[in-house]
């Protein structure tokens, strides 16, 4: 049995993230949240229609493309941070 001070053991061990991995994941979450908000705005503008929203829709589309590129770059940074962590732990020569 586990004591009140210690949590019960879980089936799967928690992932141990390096500081670098955590930082990259935080940035990626920020991009995801921004993209989610922009897509919701885009959807509401599409429902409303009209010429006034067309310029904003275009601006949102451009920003979403930028976010895709930034997210892709962060995925590569995450891969490199993970590889470095594994190297420091001795799993990779």
PDB file of N, CA and C in Angstrom:
ATOM      1  N   UNK A   1       0.837  -1.192   0.000  1.00  0.00           N
ATOM      2  CA  UNK A   1       0.000   0.000   0.000  1.00  0.00           C
ATOM      3  C   UNK A   1       0.878   1.252   0.000  1.00  0.00           C
ATOM      4  N   UNK A   2       0.372   2.295  -0.576  1.00  0.00           N
ATOM      5  CA  UNK A   2       1.137   3.533  -0.610  1.00  0.00           C
ATOM      6  C   UNK A   2       0.693   4.429   0.533  1.00  0.00           C
ATOM      7  N   UNK A   3       1.614   5.196   1.042  1.00  0.00           N
ATOM      8  CA  UNK A   3       1.311   6.102   2.138  1.00  0.00           C
ATOM      9  C   UNK A   3       0.652   7.359   1.590  1.00  0.00           C
ATOM     10  N   UNK A   4       0.011   8.152   2.462  1.00  0.00           N
ATOM     11  CA  UNK A   4      -0.646   9.385   2.002  1.00  0.00           C
ATOM     12  C   UNK A   4       0.317  10.389   1.383  1.00  0.00           C
ATOM     13  N   UNK A   5       1.609  10.327   1.795  1.00  0.00           N
ATOM     14  CA  UNK A   5       2.577  11.280   1.250  1.00  0.00           C
ATOM     15  C   UNK A   5       2.989  10.933  -0.173  1.00  0.00           C
ATOM     16  N   UNK A   6       2.958   9.646  -0.517  1.00  0.00           N
ATOM     17  CA  UNK A   6       3.401   9.215  -1.833  1.00  0.00           C
ATOM     18  C   UNK A   6       2.204   8.838  -2.692  1.00  0.00           C
ATOM     19  N   UNK A   7       2.208   9.262  -3.947  1.00  0.00           N
ATOM     20  CA  UNK A   7       1.113   8.864  -4.837  1.00  0.00           C
ATOM     21  C   UNK A   7       1.202   7.379  -5.142  1.00  0.00           C
ATOM     22  N   UNK A   8       0.073   6.816  -5.473  1.00  0.00           N
ATOM     23  CA  UNK A   8       0.040   5.402  -5.833  1.00  0.00           C
ATOM     24  C   UNK A   8       0.836   5.199  -7.116  1.00  0.00           C
ATOM     25  N   UNK A   9       1.523   4.069  -7.241  1.00  0.00           N
ATOM     26  CA  UNK A   9       2.271   3.832  -8.475  1.00  0.00           C
ATOM     27  C   UNK A   9       1.328   3.709  -9.665  1.00  0.00           C
ATOM     28  N   UNK A  10       1.773   4.209 -10.796  1.00  0.00           N
ATOM     29  CA  UNK A  10       0.950   4.142 -11.999  1.00  0.00           C
ATOM     30  C   UNK A  10       1.437   3.008 -12.889  1.00  0.00           C
ATOM     31  N   UNK A  11       0.625   2.652 -13.838  1.00  0.00           N
ATOM     32  CA  UNK A  11       0.987   1.568 -14.761  1.00  0.00           C
ATOM     33  C   UNK A  11       2.137   1.981 -15.654  1.00  0.00           C
ATOM     34  N   UNK A  12       2.114   3.199 -16.124  1.00  0.00           N
ATOM     35  CA  UNK A  12       3.157   3.686 -17.023  1.00  0.00           C
ATOM     36  C   UNK A  12       3.944   4.779 -16.315  1.00  0.00           C
ATOM     37  N   UNK A  13       5.260   4.715 -16.377  1.00  0.00           N
ATOM     38  CA  UNK A  13       6.038   5.784 -15.751  1.00  0.00           C
ATOM     39  C   UNK A  13       5.829   7.104 -16.489  1.00  0.00           C
ATOM     40  N   UNK A  14       5.898   8.185 -15.739  1.00  0.00           N
ATOM     41  CA  UNK A  14       5.745   9.501 -16.354  1.00  0.00           C
ATOM     42  C   UNK A  14       6.954   9.796 -17.222  1.00  0.00           C
ATOM     43  N   UNK A  15       6.721  10.515 -18.277  1.00  0.00           N
ATOM     44  CA  UNK A  15       7.813  10.909 -19.157  1.00  0.00           C
ATOM     45  C   UNK A  15       8.664  11.954 -18.453  1.00  0.00           C
ATOM     46  N   UNK A  16       9.938  11.764 -18.483  1.00  0.00           N
ATOM     47  CA  UNK A  16      10.856  12.742 -17.918  1.00  0.00           C
ATOM     48  C   UNK A  16      11.334  13.622 -19.064  1.00  0.00           C
ATOM     49  N   UNK A  17      10.904  14.854 -19.044  1.00  0.00           N
ATOM     50  CA  UNK A  17      11.273  15.789 -20.099  1.00  0.00           C
ATOM     51  C   UNK A  17      12.443  16.639 -19.645  1.00  0.00           C
ATOM     52  N   UNK A  18      13.312  16.940 -20.571  1.00  0.00           N
ATOM     53  CA  UNK A  18      14.404  17.858 -20.275  1.00  0.00           C
ATOM     54  C   UNK A  18      13.848  19.284 -20.288  1.00  0.00           C
ATOM     55  N   UNK A  19      14.632  20.190 -19.763  1.00  0.00           N
ATOM     56  CA  UNK A  19      14.236  21.602 -19.747  1.00  0.00           C
ATOM     57  C   UNK A  19      14.022  22.100 -21.173  1.00  0.00           C
ATOM     58  N   UNK A  20      14.893  21.676 -22.074  1.00  0.00           N
ATOM     59  CA  UNK A  20      14.785  22.096 -23.475  1.00  0.00           C
ATOM     60  C   UNK A  20      13.493  21.565 -24.097  1.00  0.00           C
ATOM     61  N   UNK A  21      13.175  20.294 -23.829  1.00  0.00           N
ATOM     62  CA  UNK A  21      11.950  19.713 -24.375  1.00  0.00           C
ATOM     63  C   UNK A  21      10.718  20.438 -23.844  1.00  0.00           C
ATOM     64  N   UNK A  22      10.709  20.733 -22.539  1.00  0.00           N
ATOM     65  CA  UNK A  22       9.585  21.451 -21.954  1.00  0.00           C
ATOM     66  C   UNK A  22       9.404  22.815 -22.594  1.00  0.00           C
ATOM     67  N   UNK A  23      10.498  23.514 -22.838  1.00  0.00           N
ATOM     68  CA  UNK A  23      10.431  24.844 -23.443  1.00  0.00           C
ATOM     69  C   UNK A  23       9.858  24.771 -24.859  1.00  0.00           C
ATOM     70  N   UNK A  24      10.322  23.782 -25.623  1.00  0.00           N
ATOM     71  CA  UNK A  24       9.827  23.630 -26.996  1.00  0.00           C
ATOM     72  C   UNK A  24       8.347  23.269 -26.981  1.00  0.00           C
ATOM     73  N   UNK A  25       7.952  22.365 -26.102  1.00  0.00           N
ATOM     74  CA  UNK A  25       6.540  21.966 -26.025  1.00  0.00           C
ATOM     75  C   UNK A  25       5.651  23.131 -25.610  1.00  0.00           C
ATOM     76  N   UNK A  26       6.155  23.997 -24.739  1.00  0.00           N
ATOM     77  CA  UNK A  26       5.389  25.169 -24.327  1.00  0.00           C
ATOM     78  C   UNK A  26       5.133  26.092 -25.523  1.00  0.00           C
ATOM     79  N   UNK A  27       6.167  26.300 -26.327  1.00  0.00           N
ATOM     80  CA  UNK A  27       6.021  27.129 -27.530  1.00  0.00           C
ATOM     81  C   UNK A  27       5.025  26.487 -28.494  1.00  0.00           C
ATOM     82  N   UNK A  28       5.127  25.169 -28.665  1.00  0.00           N
ATOM     83  CA  UNK A  28       4.221  24.458 -29.572  1.00  0.00           C
ATOM     84  C   UNK A  28       2.773  24.571 -29.098  1.00  0.00           C
ATOM     85  N   UNK A  29       2.563  24.456 -27.778  1.00  0.00           N
ATOM     86  CA  UNK A  29       1.202  24.622 -27.237  1.00  0.00           C
ATOM     87  C   UNK A  29       0.677  26.019 -27.521  1.00  0.00           C
ATOM     88  N   UNK A  30       1.540  27.020 -27.410  1.00  0.00           N
ATOM     89  CA  UNK A  30       1.132  28.392 -27.706  1.00  0.00           C
ATOM     90  C   UNK A  30       0.698  28.550 -29.153  1.00  0.00           C
ATOM     91  N   UNK A  31       1.459  27.951 -30.069  1.00  0.00           N
ATOM     92  CA  UNK A  31       1.089  28.000 -31.484  1.00  0.00           C
ATOM     93  C   UNK A  31      -0.241  27.294 -31.714  1.00  0.00           C
ATOM     94  N   UNK A  32      -0.432  26.161 -31.060  1.00  0.00           N
ATOM     95  CA  UNK A  32      -1.676  25.403 -31.224  1.00  0.00           C
ATOM     96  C   UNK A  32      -2.871  26.199 -30.715  1.00  0.00           C
ATOM     97  N   UNK A  33      -2.729  26.826 -29.557  1.00  0.00           N
ATOM     98  CA  UNK A  33      -3.822  27.628 -29.004  1.00  0.00           C
ATOM     99  C   UNK A  33      -4.155  28.801 -29.912  1.00  0.00           C
ATOM    100  N   UNK A  34      -3.131  29.471 -30.429  1.00  0.00           N
ATOM    101  CA  UNK A  34      -3.370  30.594 -31.335  1.00  0.00           C
ATOM    102  C   UNK A  34      -4.070  30.126 -32.609  1.00  0.00           C
ATOM    103  N   UNK A  35      -3.620  29.010 -33.162  1.00  0.00           N
ATOM    104  CA  UNK A  35      -4.231  28.481 -34.382  1.00  0.00           C
ATOM    105  C   UNK A  35      -5.683  28.082 -34.134  1.00  0.00           C
ATOM    106  N   UNK A  36      -5.956  27.480 -32.986  1.00  0.00           N
ATOM    107  CA  UNK A  36      -7.328  27.085 -32.648  1.00  0.00           C
ATOM    108  C   UNK A  36      -8.243  28.312 -32.589  1.00  0.00           C
ATOM    109  N   UNK A  37      -7.765  29.379 -31.959  1.00  0.00           N
ATOM    110  CA  UNK A  37      -8.551  30.608 -31.866  1.00  0.00           C
ATOM    111  C   UNK A  37      -8.768  31.226 -33.254  1.00  0.00           C
ATOM    112  N   UNK A  38      -7.725  31.225 -34.066  1.00  0.00           N
ATOM    113  CA  UNK A  38      -7.846  31.791 -35.414  1.00  0.00           C
ATOM    114  C   UNK A  38      -8.816  30.975 -36.275  1.00  0.00           C
ATOM    115  N   UNK A  39      -8.770  29.648 -36.153  1.00  0.00           N
ATOM    116  CA  UNK A  39      -9.698  28.817 -36.929  1.00  0.00           C
ATOM    117  C   UNK A  39     -11.141  29.049 -36.498  1.00  0.00           C
ATOM    118  N   UNK A  40     -11.352  29.249 -35.193  1.00  0.00           N
ATOM    119  CA  UNK A  40     -12.709  29.548 -34.710  1.00  0.00           C
ATOM    120  C   UNK A  40     -13.182  30.886 -35.265  1.00  0.00           C
ATOM    121  N   UNK A  41     -12.298  31.880 -35.273  1.00  0.00           N
ATOM    122  CA  UNK A  41     -12.652  33.189 -35.831  1.00  0.00           C
ATOM    123  C   UNK A  41     -12.932  33.079 -37.325  1.00  0.00           C
ATOM    124  N   UNK A  42     -12.119  32.301 -38.013  1.00  0.00           N
ATOM    125  CA  UNK A  42     -12.300  32.102 -39.453  1.00  0.00           C
ATOM    126  C   UNK A  42     -13.652  31.462 -39.737  1.00  0.00           C
ATOM    127  N   UNK A  43     -14.023  30.496 -38.925  1.00  0.00           N
ATOM    128  CA  UNK A  43     -15.307  29.815 -39.097  1.00  0.00           C
ATOM    129  C   UNK A  43     -16.475  30.787 -38.881  1.00  0.00           C
ATOM    130  N   UNK A  44     -16.381  31.646 -37.860  1.00  0.00           N
ATOM    131  CA  UNK A  44     -17.453  32.604 -37.607  1.00  0.00           C
ATOM    132  C   UNK A  44     -17.521  33.660 -38.707  1.00  0.00           C
ATOM    133  N   UNK A  45     -16.364  34.061 -39.243  1.00  0.00           N
ATOM    134  CA  UNK A  45     -16.362  35.017 -40.347  1.00  0.00           C
ATOM    135  C   UNK A  45     -16.968  34.403 -41.606  1.00  0.00           C
ATOM    136  N   UNK A  46     -16.705  33.132 -41.839  1.00  0.00           N
ATOM    137  CA  UNK A  46     -17.253  32.458 -43.014  1.00  0.00           C
ATOM    138  C   UNK A  46     -18.774  32.368 -42.916  1.00  0.00           C
ATOM    139  N   UNK A  47     -19.278  32.128 -41.708  1.00  0.00           N
ATOM    140  CA  UNK A  47     -20.730  32.070 -41.521  1.00  0.00           C
ATOM    141  C   UNK A  47     -21.364  33.436 -41.729  1.00  0.00           C
ATOM    142  N   UNK A  48     -20.679  34.496 -41.273  1.00  0.00           N
ATOM    143  CA  UNK A  48     -21.229  35.842 -41.374  1.00  0.00           C
ATOM    144  C   UNK A  48     -21.193  36.342 -42.813  1.00  0.00           C
ATOM    145  N   UNK A  49     -20.171  35.939 -43.559  1.00  0.00           N
ATOM    146  CA  UNK A  49     -20.040  36.387 -44.947  1.00  0.00           C
ATOM    147  C   UNK A  49     -19.736  37.867 -45.023  1.00  0.00           C
ATOM    148  N   UNK A  50     -19.910  38.431 -46.207  1.00  0.00           N
ATOM    149  CA  UNK A  50     -19.698  39.865 -46.390  1.00  0.00           C
ATOM    150  C   UNK A  50     -18.288  40.202 -46.829  1.00  0.00           C
ATOM    151  N   UNK A  51     -18.159  41.387 -47.401  1.00  0.00           N
ATOM    152  CA  UNK A  51     -16.882  41.863 -47.915  1.00  0.00           C
ATOM    153  C   UNK A  51     -15.931  42.294 -46.799  1.00  0.00           C
ATOM    154  N   UNK A  52     -16.495  42.812 -45.713  1.00  0.00           N
ATOM    155  CA  UNK A  52     -15.653  43.323 -44.633  1.00  0.00           C
ATOM    156  C   UNK A  52     -14.796  42.214 -44.026  1.00  0.00           C
ATOM    157  N   UNK A  53     -15.342  41.008 -43.935  1.00  0.00           N
ATOM    158  CA  UNK A  53     -14.612  39.907 -43.334  1.00  0.00           C
ATOM    159  C   UNK A  53     -13.610  39.259 -44.267  1.00  0.00           C
ATOM    160  N   UNK A  54     -13.681  39.563 -45.550  1.00  0.00           N
ATOM    161  CA  UNK A  54     -12.794  38.917 -46.524  1.00  0.00           C
ATOM    162  C   UNK A  54     -11.325  39.257 -46.263  1.00  0.00           C
ATOM    163  N   UNK A  55     -11.047  40.500 -45.942  1.00  0.00           N
ATOM    164  CA  UNK A  55      -9.666  40.900 -45.670  1.00  0.00           C
ATOM    165  C   UNK A  55      -9.146  40.210 -44.410  1.00  0.00           C
ATOM    166  N   UNK A  56      -9.992  40.132 -43.387  1.00  0.00           N
ATOM    167  CA  UNK A  56      -9.597  39.470 -42.144  1.00  0.00           C
ATOM    168  C   UNK A  56      -9.391  37.967 -42.381  1.00  0.00           C
ATOM    169  N   UNK A  57     -10.247  37.364 -43.203  1.00  0.00           N
ATOM    170  CA  UNK A  57     -10.097  35.943 -43.522  1.00  0.00           C
ATOM    171  C   UNK A  57      -8.755  35.685 -44.202  1.00  0.00           C
ATOM    172  N   UNK A  58      -8.378  36.580 -45.101  1.00  0.00           N
ATOM    173  CA  UNK A  58      -7.096  36.443 -45.785  1.00  0.00           C
ATOM    174  C   UNK A  58      -5.939  36.574 -44.799  1.00  0.00           C
ATOM    175  N   UNK A  59      -6.043  37.530 -43.886  1.00  0.00           N
ATOM    176  CA  UNK A  59      -4.996  37.722 -42.886  1.00  0.00           C
ATOM    177  C   UNK A  59      -4.884  36.494 -41.980  1.00  0.00           C
ATOM    178  N   UNK A  60      -6.011  35.914 -41.619  1.00  0.00           N
ATOM    179  CA  UNK A  60      -6.002  34.715 -40.783  1.00  0.00           C
ATOM    180  C   UNK A  60      -5.360  33.559 -41.536  1.00  0.00           C
ATOM    181  N   UNK A  61      -5.687  33.411 -42.805  1.00  0.00           N
ATOM    182  CA  UNK A  61      -5.114  32.328 -43.608  1.00  0.00           C
ATOM    183  C   UNK A  61      -3.595  32.458 -43.686  1.00  0.00           C
ATOM    184  N   UNK A  62      -3.110  33.676 -43.843  1.00  0.00           N
ATOM    185  CA  UNK A  62      -1.663  33.910 -43.902  1.00  0.00           C
ATOM    186  C   UNK A  62      -1.014  33.559 -42.561  1.00  0.00           C
ATOM    187  N   UNK A  63      -1.641  33.988 -41.470  1.00  0.00           N
ATOM    188  CA  UNK A  63      -1.087  33.701 -40.136  1.00  0.00           C
ATOM    189  C   UNK A  63      -1.095  32.192 -39.852  1.00  0.00           C
ATOM    190  N   UNK A  64      -2.150  31.501 -40.268  1.00  0.00           N
ATOM    191  CA  UNK A  64      -2.206  30.050 -40.062  1.00  0.00           C
ATOM    192  C   UNK A  64      -1.065  29.345 -40.804  1.00  0.00           C
ATOM    193  N   UNK A  65      -0.758  29.819 -42.001  1.00  0.00           N
ATOM    194  CA  UNK A  65       0.371  29.251 -42.751  1.00  0.00           C
ATOM    195  C   UNK A  65       1.683  29.504 -42.010  1.00  0.00           C
ATOM    196  N   UNK A  66       1.836  30.721 -41.474  1.00  0.00           N
ATOM    197  CA  UNK A  66       3.033  31.037 -40.701  1.00  0.00           C
ATOM    198  C   UNK A  66       3.146  30.110 -39.498  1.00  0.00           C
ATOM    199  N   UNK A  67       2.027  29.907 -38.805  1.00  0.00           N
ATOM    200  CA  UNK A  67       2.027  29.043 -37.628  1.00  0.00           C
ATOM    201  C   UNK A  67       2.379  27.602 -37.989  1.00  0.00           C
ATOM    202  N   UNK A  68       1.902  27.139 -39.147  1.00  0.00           N
ATOM    203  CA  UNK A  68       2.258  25.778 -39.581  1.00  0.00           C
ATOM    204  C   UNK A  68       3.769  25.644 -39.753  1.00  0.00           C
ATOM    205  N   UNK A  69       4.378  26.645 -40.376  1.00  0.00           N
ATOM    206  CA  UNK A  69       5.826  26.616 -40.561  1.00  0.00           C
ATOM    207  C   UNK A  69       6.578  26.685 -39.245  1.00  0.00           C
ATOM    208  N   UNK A  70       6.122  27.558 -38.350  1.00  0.00           N
ATOM    209  CA  UNK A  70       6.757  27.677 -37.041  1.00  0.00           C
ATOM    210  C   UNK A  70       6.613  26.384 -36.243  1.00  0.00           C
ATOM    211  N   UNK A  71       5.433  25.773 -36.309  1.00  0.00           N
ATOM    212  CA  UNK A  71       5.186  24.529 -35.593  1.00  0.00           C
ATOM    213  C   UNK A  71       6.091  23.418 -36.118  1.00  0.00           C
ATOM    214  N   UNK A  72       6.241  23.377 -37.441  1.00  0.00           N
ATOM    215  CA  UNK A  72       7.093  22.358 -38.056  1.00  0.00           C
ATOM    216  C   UNK A  72       8.542  22.534 -37.590  1.00  0.00           C
ATOM    217  N   UNK A  73       8.992  23.776 -37.502  1.00  0.00           N
ATOM    218  CA  UNK A  73      10.346  24.047 -37.026  1.00  0.00           C
ATOM    219  C   UNK A  73      10.500  23.619 -35.567  1.00  0.00           C
ATOM    220  N   UNK A  74       9.469  23.839 -34.764  1.00  0.00           N
ATOM    221  CA  UNK A  74       9.525  23.435 -33.368  1.00  0.00           C
ATOM    222  C   UNK A  74       9.517  21.918 -33.216  1.00  0.00           C
ATOM    223  N   UNK A  75       8.820  21.223 -34.125  1.00  0.00           N
ATOM    224  CA  UNK A  75       8.846  19.763 -34.088  1.00  0.00           C
ATOM    225  C   UNK A  75      10.270  19.260 -34.286  1.00  0.00           C
ATOM    226  N   UNK A  76      10.993  19.891 -35.190  1.00  0.00           N
ATOM    227  CA  UNK A  76      12.389  19.519 -35.427  1.00  0.00           C
ATOM    228  C   UNK A  76      13.231  19.856 -34.195  1.00  0.00           C
ATOM    229  N   UNK A  77      12.973  21.012 -33.578  1.00  0.00           N
ATOM    230  CA  UNK A  77      13.706  21.386 -32.368  1.00  0.00           C
ATOM    231  C   UNK A  77      13.419  20.400 -31.242  1.00  0.00           C
ATOM    232  N   UNK A  78      12.187  19.921 -31.155  1.00  0.00           N
ATOM    233  CA  UNK A  78      11.825  18.928 -30.145  1.00  0.00           C
ATOM    234  C   UNK A  78      12.562  17.614 -30.394  1.00  0.00           C
ATOM    235  N   UNK A  79      12.634  17.214 -31.646  1.00  0.00           N
ATOM    236  CA  UNK A  79      13.358  15.989 -31.990  1.00  0.00           C
ATOM    237  C   UNK A  79      14.828  16.103 -31.592  1.00  0.00           C
ATOM    238  N   UNK A  80      15.428  17.244 -31.881  1.00  0.00           N
ATOM    239  CA  UNK A  80      16.829  17.458 -31.534  1.00  0.00           C
ATOM    240  C   UNK A  80      17.039  17.502 -30.016  1.00  0.00           C
ATOM    241  N   UNK A  81      16.117  18.130 -29.295  1.00  0.00           N
ATOM    242  CA  UNK A  81      16.215  18.187 -27.834  1.00  0.00           C
ATOM    243  C   UNK A  81      16.075  16.786 -27.243  1.00  0.00           C
ATOM    244  N   UNK A  82      15.171  15.994 -27.802  1.00  0.00           N
ATOM    245  CA  UNK A  82      15.000  14.623 -27.336  1.00  0.00           C
ATOM    246  C   UNK A  82      16.250  13.799 -27.612  1.00  0.00           C
ATOM    247  N   UNK A  83      16.811  13.974 -28.789  1.00  0.00           N
ATOM    248  CA  UNK A  83      18.030  13.253 -29.148  1.00  0.00           C
ATOM    249  C   UNK A  83      19.181  13.634 -28.216  1.00  0.00           C
ATOM    250  N   UNK A  84      19.284  14.910 -27.900  1.00  0.00           N
ATOM    251  CA  UNK A  84      20.344  15.372 -26.998  1.00  0.00           C
ATOM    252  C   UNK A  84      20.148  14.786 -25.600  1.00  0.00           C
ATOM    253  N   UNK A  85      18.902  14.740 -25.125  1.00  0.00           N
ATOM    254  CA  UNK A  85      18.627  14.157 -23.817  1.00  0.00           C
ATOM    255  C   UNK A  85      19.039  12.685 -23.796  1.00  0.00           C
ATOM    256  N   UNK A  86      18.675  11.958 -24.830  1.00  0.00           N
ATOM    257  CA  UNK A  86      19.035  10.543 -24.899  1.00  0.00           C
ATOM    258  C   UNK A  86      20.545  10.350 -24.964  1.00  0.00           C
ATOM    259  N   UNK A  87      21.220  11.277 -25.647  1.00  0.00           N
ATOM    260  CA  UNK A  87      22.679  11.219 -25.728  1.00  0.00           C
ATOM    261  C   UNK A  87      23.284  11.440 -24.336  1.00  0.00           C
ATOM    262  N   UNK A  88      22.765  12.436 -23.597  1.00  0.00           N
ATOM    263  CA  UNK A  88      23.270  12.720 -22.252  1.00  0.00           C
ATOM    264  C   UNK A  88      23.020  11.550 -21.305  1.00  0.00           C
ATOM    265  N   UNK A  89      21.922  10.837 -21.521  1.00  0.00           N
ATOM    266  CA  UNK A  89      21.613   9.680 -20.679  1.00  0.00           C
ATOM    267  C   UNK A  89      22.388   8.439 -21.067  1.00  0.00           C
ATOM    268  N   UNK A  90      23.096   8.500 -22.199  1.00  0.00           N
ATOM    269  CA  UNK A  90      23.915   7.396 -22.629  1.00  0.00           C
ATOM    270  C   UNK A  90      23.206   6.370 -23.487  1.00  0.00           C
ATOM    271  N   UNK A  91      22.006   6.691 -23.950  1.00  0.00           N
ATOM    272  CA  UNK A  91      21.254   5.769 -24.798  1.00  0.00           C
ATOM    273  C   UNK A  91      21.697   5.837 -26.251  1.00  0.00           C
ATOM    274  N   UNK A  92      22.292   6.955 -26.634  1.00  0.00           N
ATOM    275  CA  UNK A  92      22.791   7.162 -27.994  1.00  0.00           C
ATOM    276  C   UNK A  92      24.267   7.524 -27.886  1.00  0.00           C
ATOM    277  N   UNK A  93      25.109   6.912 -28.704  1.00  0.00           N
ATOM    278  CA  UNK A  93      26.551   7.255 -28.644  1.00  0.00           C
ATOM    279  C   UNK A  93      26.829   8.658 -29.150  1.00  0.00           C
TER     280      UNK A  93
END
